[in-house]
Amino acid sequence: MDFKVIIEQDEDGWYVVTVPSLPGCVSQGKTEEEAKKNIAEAIELHLSALARDGTQIGHRKELKETFVAVDI
């Protein structure tokens, strides 16, 4: 199963990764590759917890990704 992730570099240089379709699923790493490895593990743990709790796993349909132009 593939999940879209968002990778951002914080002010300390760490890469912070979130999963829009799994609220609360967050990880980080010193490098982008480490962050990707860590978020994969976090996703597996998150999905295991959802399954254990009987929570339906699915993508949130109310999310929409788009771009907005802003004049600066």
Protein backbone atom coordinates (compact mmCIF):
# COMPACT_ATOMS: atom_id res chain seq x y z
CA MET A 1 0.00 0.00 0.00
CA ASP A 2 1.42 3.38 -0.95
CA PHE A 3 0.95 6.50 1.13
CA LYS A 4 1.60 10.09 0.14
CA VAL A 5 3.95 11.74 2.63
CA ILE A 6 5.02 15.34 3.19
CA ILE A 7 8.71 15.93 3.97
CA GLU A 8 9.85 19.23 5.45
CA GLN A 9 13.21 20.27 6.82
CA ASP A 10 12.91 21.99 10.19
CA GLU A 11 15.01 24.86 11.56
CA ASP A 12 17.48 22.40 13.12
CA GLY A 13 18.05 20.59 9.82
CA TRP A 14 16.00 17.47 10.66
CA TYR A 15 13.59 16.07 8.07
CA VAL A 16 10.07 15.82 9.47
CA VAL A 17 7.59 13.57 7.67
CA THR A 18 3.80 13.49 7.98
CA VAL A 19 1.16 11.33 6.32
CA PRO A 20 -1.91 13.39 5.33
CA SER A 21 -4.19 10.33 5.14
CA LEU A 22 -3.12 9.13 8.62
CA PRO A 23 -3.54 12.05 11.03
CA GLY A 24 -1.03 11.85 13.86
CA CYS A 25 1.41 9.66 11.93
CA VAL A 26 4.66 11.64 12.10
CA SER A 27 8.35 10.78 12.09
CA GLN A 28 11.72 12.39 11.44
CA GLY A 29 15.30 11.69 10.49
CA LYS A 30 18.68 13.37 10.20
CA THR A 31 18.65 12.69 6.44
CA GLU A 32 15.78 12.46 3.98
CA GLU A 33 16.49 8.74 3.48
CA GLU A 34 16.46 8.10 7.24
CA ALA A 35 13.20 10.05 7.53
CA LYS A 36 11.61 7.92 4.77
CA LYS A 37 12.74 4.72 6.48
CA ASN A 38 11.40 5.95 9.83
CA ILE A 39 8.01 7.02 8.41
CA ALA A 40 7.59 3.61 6.75
CA GLU A 41 8.00 2.00 10.18
CA ALA A 42 5.67 4.59 11.74
CA ILE A 43 3.01 3.87 9.09
CA GLU A 44 3.21 0.13 9.80
CA LEU A 45 2.82 0.73 13.54
CA HIS A 46 0.00 3.21 12.98
CA LEU A 47 -1.89 0.76 10.75
CA SER A 48 -1.37 -2.05 13.27
CA ALA A 49 -2.84 0.13 16.02
CA LEU A 50 -5.84 1.04 13.84
CA ALA A 51 -6.43 -2.62 13.01
CA ARG A 52 -6.12 -3.63 16.66
CA ASP A 53 -8.70 -0.97 17.60
CA GLY A 54 -11.01 -2.04 14.77
CA THR A 55 -10.75 1.31 13.02
CA GLN A 56 -11.46 1.30 9.30
CA ILE A 57 -8.38 2.09 7.23
CA GLY A 58 -9.01 4.30 4.25
CA HIS A 59 -8.04 7.53 2.63
CA ARG A 60 -9.79 10.65 3.84
CA LYS A 61 -12.03 11.78 1.00
CA GLU A 62 -12.50 15.27 2.39
CA LEU A 63 -8.85 16.13 1.64
CA LYS A 64 -8.13 17.87 -1.62
CA GLU A 65 -4.70 18.91 -2.81
CA THR A 66 -4.42 21.97 -4.99
CA PHE A 67 -2.24 25.02 -5.55
CA VAL A 68 -3.09 28.68 -5.06
CA ALA A 69 -1.20 31.52 -6.71
CA VAL A 70 -0.26 34.48 -4.53
CA ASP A 71 1.22 37.75 -5.75
CA ILE A 72 4.05 38.90 -3.52
